[in-house]
Amino acid sequence: MTAVFEDRDLNLNKVYATTASNNFPSVSLLQKHGFHLDGRMREHYRIGEAWFDQLIFSLFKAEWDEFCRTGH
């Protein structure tokens, strides 16, 4: 993430990620690295006979900087 936010050509303030609600490892990884849940698209994915929500996470550059500095 540091490389993404420090890329002067991109000049990003925010990055986002999406994952299926049943993808617990991805949800855990995003939360562990400071991403915040912004929204949920209900029953967005169908896997077999089951429907799952799409979760939308985001992280601002200032939040990433704080996470790197404090680990939280």
Protein backbone atom coordinates (compact mmCIF):
# COMPACT_ATOMS: atom_id res chain seq x y z
CA MET A 1 0.00 0.00 0.00
CA THR A 2 2.81 2.39 0.75
CA ALA A 3 4.07 2.12 -2.84
CA VAL A 4 0.57 2.80 -4.17
CA PHE A 5 0.04 5.91 -2.06
CA GLU A 6 3.56 7.24 -2.70
CA ASP A 7 3.32 6.96 -6.50
CA ARG A 8 3.35 10.60 -7.56
CA ASP A 9 1.83 9.82 -10.96
CA LEU A 10 -1.22 8.22 -9.34
CA ASN A 11 -1.57 10.83 -6.57
CA LEU A 12 -4.22 8.74 -4.82
CA ASN A 13 -6.12 9.79 -1.73
CA LYS A 14 -8.13 6.58 -1.40
CA VAL A 15 -8.09 2.96 -2.52
CA TYR A 16 -10.96 0.51 -2.33
CA ALA A 17 -11.47 -3.22 -2.45
CA THR A 18 -14.47 -5.49 -2.83
CA THR A 19 -15.00 -9.07 -1.76
CA ALA A 20 -17.82 -11.54 -1.25
CA SER A 21 -19.21 -11.62 2.28
CA ASN A 22 -18.37 -15.32 2.57
CA ASN A 23 -14.68 -14.70 1.77
CA PHE A 24 -13.65 -14.51 5.41
CA PRO A 25 -9.86 -14.51 4.78
CA SER A 26 -10.17 -11.44 2.50
CA VAL A 27 -12.45 -9.61 4.93
CA SER A 28 -10.02 -10.33 7.77
CA LEU A 29 -6.99 -9.21 5.73
CA LEU A 30 -8.63 -5.92 4.73
CA GLN A 31 -9.72 -5.14 8.28
CA LYS A 32 -6.30 -6.11 9.66
CA HIS A 33 -4.69 -3.54 7.35
CA GLY A 34 -6.99 -0.69 8.33
CA PHE A 35 -9.66 -0.82 5.63
CA HIS A 36 -13.15 0.32 6.66
CA LEU A 37 -16.42 -1.22 5.51
CA ASP A 38 -18.19 1.39 3.37
CA GLY A 39 -21.10 -0.60 2.07
CA ARG A 40 -22.78 -3.82 1.16
CA MET A 41 -24.48 -4.82 -2.07
CA ARG A 42 -26.97 -7.41 -0.92
CA GLU A 43 -27.13 -10.78 -2.68
CA HIS A 44 -24.71 -9.62 -5.36
CA TYR A 45 -22.85 -12.92 -5.93
CA ARG A 46 -24.37 -16.30 -6.62
CA ILE A 47 -22.22 -19.28 -5.74
CA GLY A 48 -24.00 -22.53 -6.46
CA GLU A 49 -27.49 -22.12 -5.08
CA ALA A 50 -26.53 -19.52 -2.46
CA TRP A 51 -26.43 -15.73 -2.75
CA PHE A 52 -23.77 -13.65 -1.01
CA ASP A 53 -23.35 -9.94 -0.42
CA GLN A 54 -20.54 -7.90 -1.95
CA LEU A 55 -18.65 -5.91 0.68
CA ILE A 56 -16.98 -2.64 -0.26
CA PHE A 57 -14.00 -1.46 1.79
CA SER A 58 -11.89 1.68 1.50
CA LEU A 59 -8.72 3.14 2.95
CA PHE A 60 -7.61 6.79 2.82
CA LYS A 61 -3.96 7.75 2.55
CA ALA A 62 -4.12 9.50 5.93
CA GLU A 63 -5.53 6.31 7.49
CA TRP A 64 -2.74 4.24 5.94
CA ASP A 65 -0.12 6.68 7.20
CA GLU A 66 -1.63 6.43 10.71
CA PHE A 67 -1.75 2.62 10.48
CA CYS A 68 1.93 2.51 9.48
CA ARG A 69 2.88 4.84 12.31
CA THR A 70 0.87 3.16 15.09
CA GLY A 71 0.02 -0.32 13.81
CA HIS A 72 -3.70 0.37 14.36
